[in-house]
Amino acid sequence: MTSVNGLRDREKARVRGELIDAALRLFERQGFEQTTVQQIADAAQVSRRTFHRHFPSKMAVVFSHEEDLMAQLLTAVDRRPPSESVLTALRAALRDFLFDQRDAPSRRRQADTARRARHLLVGNPELRRENFIGALGRQHAMARNFAARAGLSADDLGPQLAAAACFAAFGVGLDHWMLGDDPSIAALHRVLDRAVASLQQGIDLHGAG
C-alpha cells in the first residue's frame, strides 16, 4: 500500500509540476490575462477537470510554489536544534533546504519557478494584490512556528514581528536575485542569508552627517 501511495504522490507531483511549467510559459508568452485555464490544460496535455483537481484558478498556479516552499522551509526549521534562536534556525534551515543534494534537481526547478513567478508579479498589479493576501497566511504560519520555538503564545508580538520582518527581507532578497545576472541557487542563498543576517544584526542606519 505504501508503494502504491508513493507512486500516486509522485504522479500527482509530476502533473502539478507540468501544469505550473505550462502556465508560466503561456503567461510569459502571451500575458496572464490573455491565458485561459483551457489553454494551460491543453499545453500540459491534461483535461480542464484535471487542472481543477490541482488548482482552483489560473492565479493559484502562480503562487502554488510559495505554499510548497514555505511548508518545506518550516519543516527544515523544525529540524534545527531547539536551543537555536529563530533567526539562527531560519538561516541554517535555508542553507540546509537549498543545498540538499538528495533532491538537487527539484531545488533547481523550484528556484527557476520562483524566479519566473517573481517576474510576473512585478508586471501585474492584480497578481501582486493576490500575492499579498496569500502571503499573510504564510507569514502567520511562520509566526506560529517562531512562537513554538521560542515557547511563546501564538499571538505574542515578538514572533509576529519577527515573521513580518523575515517576509520583508525575503521580498527584498528575491527581487535582488531576480534582477541580478546570476540565477543560481548559490546566489539565491547568498542574498537571502544576507537579508536575514541584516535582521539579526539590526537594520538601523546611521546618518551620513
Protein backbone atom coordinates (compact mmCIF):
# COMPACT_ATOMS: atom_id res chain seq x y z
CA MET A 1 0.00 0.00 0.00
CA THR A 2 2.84 2.39 0.84
CA SER A 3 4.47 1.87 -2.58
CA VAL A 4 1.13 2.47 -4.31
CA ASN A 5 0.64 5.69 -2.36
CA GLY A 6 4.17 6.74 -3.20
CA LEU A 7 3.58 6.20 -6.91
CA ARG A 8 0.32 8.12 -6.70
CA ASP A 9 2.02 11.03 -4.93
CA ARG A 10 4.84 11.15 -7.49
CA GLU A 11 2.36 11.14 -10.36
CA LYS A 12 0.38 13.91 -8.70
CA ALA A 13 3.56 15.95 -8.23
CA ARG A 14 4.57 15.33 -11.86
CA VAL A 15 1.24 16.56 -13.25
CA ARG A 16 1.23 19.52 -10.88
CA GLY A 17 4.74 20.47 -12.00
CA GLU A 18 3.83 20.20 -15.67
CA LEU A 19 0.78 22.41 -15.15
CA ILE A 20 2.87 25.04 -13.39
CA ASP A 21 5.51 25.00 -16.12
CA ALA A 22 2.90 25.15 -18.89
CA ALA A 23 1.10 28.02 -17.20
CA LEU A 24 4.28 30.05 -16.70
CA ARG A 25 5.30 29.55 -20.33
CA LEU A 26 1.91 30.80 -21.52
CA PHE A 27 1.85 33.72 -19.08
CA GLU A 28 5.31 34.77 -20.26
CA ARG A 29 4.49 34.40 -23.94
CA GLN A 30 1.01 35.87 -24.20
CA GLY A 31 0.26 37.53 -20.86
CA PHE A 32 -1.58 36.45 -17.72
CA GLU A 33 -4.95 37.98 -18.62
CA GLN A 34 -4.91 36.53 -22.13
CA THR A 35 -4.23 32.97 -20.96
CA THR A 36 -7.15 30.66 -20.18
CA VAL A 37 -7.34 27.59 -17.97
CA GLN A 38 -8.19 25.53 -21.05
CA GLN A 39 -5.01 26.66 -22.79
CA ILE A 40 -2.95 25.67 -19.75
CA ALA A 41 -4.61 22.27 -19.60
CA ASP A 42 -4.07 21.74 -23.34
CA ALA A 43 -0.39 22.72 -23.08
CA ALA A 44 0.09 20.20 -20.27
CA GLN A 45 -1.93 17.61 -22.20
CA VAL A 46 -4.50 17.12 -19.46
CA SER A 47 -8.19 17.88 -19.14
CA ARG A 48 -9.63 21.04 -17.64
CA ARG A 49 -11.06 18.83 -14.90
CA THR A 50 -7.56 17.58 -14.07
CA PHE A 51 -6.34 21.17 -13.89
CA HIS A 52 -9.02 21.98 -11.31
CA ARG A 53 -8.11 18.92 -9.24
CA HIS A 54 -4.75 20.63 -8.68
CA PHE A 55 -5.61 24.34 -8.76
CA PRO A 56 -8.80 26.33 -8.15
CA SER A 57 -7.81 29.01 -10.68
CA LYS A 58 -5.02 30.10 -13.01
CA MET A 59 -3.99 32.69 -10.42
CA ALA A 60 -3.42 29.93 -7.88
CA VAL A 61 -0.82 28.39 -10.21
CA VAL A 62 1.44 31.43 -9.86
CA PHE A 63 1.54 31.17 -6.06
CA SER A 64 1.38 27.42 -5.54
CA HIS A 65 5.16 27.10 -5.33
CA GLU A 66 5.24 29.59 -2.45
CA GLU A 67 2.93 27.42 -0.35
CA ASP A 68 5.09 24.39 -1.07
CA LEU A 69 8.34 26.21 -0.33
CA MET A 70 7.08 27.67 2.94
CA ALA A 71 5.93 24.25 4.17
CA GLN A 72 9.29 22.71 3.26
CA LEU A 73 11.26 25.57 4.79
CA LEU A 74 9.38 25.41 8.09
CA THR A 75 9.94 21.67 8.18
CA ALA A 76 13.67 22.37 7.81
CA VAL A 77 13.43 24.93 10.65
CA ASP A 78 11.82 22.29 12.87
CA ARG A 79 14.81 20.01 12.30
CA ARG A 80 17.19 22.56 13.79
CA PRO A 81 18.28 22.22 17.46
CA PRO A 82 15.61 23.71 19.75
CA SER A 83 18.24 25.83 21.50
CA GLU A 84 18.84 27.94 18.35
CA SER A 85 17.16 31.33 18.11
CA VAL A 86 14.50 31.68 15.45
CA LEU A 87 16.66 33.65 13.01
CA THR A 88 19.70 31.42 13.54
CA ALA A 89 17.48 28.40 12.87
CA LEU A 90 15.97 30.08 9.82
CA ARG A 91 19.37 30.88 8.28
CA ALA A 92 20.57 27.31 8.86
CA ALA A 93 17.30 25.90 7.50
CA LEU A 94 17.64 27.99 4.34
CA ARG A 95 21.13 26.59 3.82
CA ASP A 96 20.05 23.00 4.58
CA PHE A 97 17.00 23.27 2.33
CA LEU A 98 18.57 24.99 -0.66
CA PHE A 99 21.68 22.83 -0.74
CA ASP A 100 20.00 19.49 -0.01
CA GLN A 101 21.80 17.27 -2.50
CA ARG A 102 19.27 14.48 -2.08
CA ASP A 103 16.83 16.46 -4.22
CA ALA A 104 19.03 18.92 -6.13
CA PRO A 105 17.05 18.75 -9.42
CA SER A 106 13.86 19.61 -7.54
CA ARG A 107 15.57 22.58 -5.88
CA ARG A 108 16.74 23.90 -9.25
CA ARG A 109 13.20 23.59 -10.66
CA GLN A 110 11.77 25.36 -7.61
CA ALA A 111 14.30 28.18 -7.92
CA ASP A 112 13.54 28.61 -11.62
CA THR A 113 9.79 28.66 -10.91
CA ALA A 114 10.25 31.23 -8.14
CA ARG A 115 12.29 33.49 -10.41
CA ARG A 116 9.79 33.31 -13.25
CA ALA A 117 6.81 33.86 -10.95
CA ARG A 118 8.53 36.86 -9.39
CA HIS A 119 8.92 38.41 -12.84
CA LEU A 120 5.19 38.00 -13.42
CA LEU A 121 4.37 39.66 -10.09
CA VAL A 122 6.45 42.74 -10.88
CA GLY A 123 4.45 43.49 -14.02
CA ASN A 124 0.94 42.59 -12.85
CA PRO A 125 -0.86 44.62 -10.13
CA GLU A 126 -3.68 42.05 -9.87
CA LEU A 127 -1.20 39.29 -9.11
CA ARG A 128 0.60 41.47 -6.56
CA ARG A 129 -2.67 42.12 -4.71
CA GLU A 130 -3.50 38.43 -4.66
CA ASN A 131 0.00 37.55 -3.53
CA PHE A 132 -0.28 40.00 -0.64
CA ILE A 133 -3.36 38.18 0.63
CA GLY A 134 -1.74 34.77 0.30
CA ALA A 135 1.49 35.98 1.89
CA LEU A 136 -0.39 36.89 5.06
CA GLY A 137 -1.29 33.24 5.58
CA ARG A 138 2.31 32.13 5.02
CA GLN A 139 3.55 34.86 7.34
CA HIS A 140 1.15 33.71 10.07
CA ALA A 141 2.40 30.13 9.63
CA MET A 142 5.95 31.34 10.14
CA ALA A 143 4.92 33.37 13.20
CA ARG A 144 3.31 30.27 14.74
CA ASN A 145 6.48 28.31 14.06
CA PHE A 146 8.63 31.02 15.67
CA ALA A 147 6.32 31.24 18.67
CA ALA A 148 6.51 27.49 19.26
CA ARG A 149 10.32 27.53 19.04
CA ALA A 150 10.54 30.42 21.50
CA GLY A 151 7.93 28.98 23.85
CA LEU A 152 5.67 31.98 23.38
CA SER A 153 1.98 32.40 22.69
CA ALA A 154 0.99 32.45 19.02
CA ASP A 155 -0.45 35.95 19.47
CA ASP A 156 2.72 37.33 21.08
CA LEU A 157 4.03 40.43 19.31
CA GLY A 158 7.62 39.15 19.10
CA PRO A 159 7.07 36.15 16.78
CA GLN A 160 4.64 38.14 14.65
CA LEU A 161 7.12 40.97 14.24
CA ALA A 162 9.98 38.56 13.50
CA ALA A 163 7.93 36.76 10.84
CA ALA A 164 6.81 40.03 9.23
CA ALA A 165 10.41 41.25 9.14
CA CYS A 166 11.54 37.96 7.59
CA PHE A 167 8.90 38.22 4.88
CA ALA A 168 10.03 41.76 4.08
CA ALA A 169 13.63 40.55 3.95
CA PHE A 170 12.69 37.65 1.68
CA GLY A 171 10.88 40.03 -0.68
CA VAL A 172 13.86 42.37 -0.94
CA GLY A 173 16.22 39.43 -1.37
CA LEU A 174 14.10 37.74 -4.05
CA ASP A 175 13.81 40.96 -6.04
CA HIS A 176 17.57 41.50 -5.82
CA TRP A 177 18.19 37.94 -7.02
CA MET A 178 15.56 38.14 -9.76
CA LEU A 179 17.07 41.31 -11.22
CA GLY A 180 20.65 40.05 -10.93
CA ASP A 181 22.72 38.22 -13.52
CA ASP A 182 23.23 35.04 -11.50
CA PRO A 183 20.12 32.78 -11.32
CA SER A 184 21.89 30.04 -9.37
CA ILE A 185 20.75 28.59 -6.07
CA ALA A 186 24.06 29.66 -4.56
CA ALA A 187 23.30 33.27 -5.48
CA LEU A 188 19.78 32.94 -4.07
CA HIS A 189 21.15 31.59 -0.81
CA ARG A 190 23.73 34.39 -0.54
CA VAL A 191 21.17 37.14 -0.89
CA LEU A 192 18.55 35.56 1.39
CA ASP A 193 21.13 34.73 4.05
CA ARG A 194 22.47 38.27 3.90
CA ALA A 195 18.95 39.66 4.24
CA VAL A 196 18.15 37.59 7.34
CA ALA A 197 21.62 38.30 8.78
CA SER A 198 20.85 42.01 8.48
CA LEU A 199 17.78 41.48 10.64
CA GLN A 200 19.90 39.71 13.25
CA GLN A 201 22.44 42.50 13.32
CA GLY A 202 19.89 45.29 13.36
CA ILE A 203 18.84 47.40 10.39
CA ASP A 204 19.04 50.90 11.85
CA LEU A 205 21.19 53.09 9.59
CA HIS A 206 23.47 55.86 10.82
CA GLY A 207 23.04 59.33 9.38
CA ALA A 208 25.51 60.44 6.73
CA GLY A 209 26.35 63.68 8.55
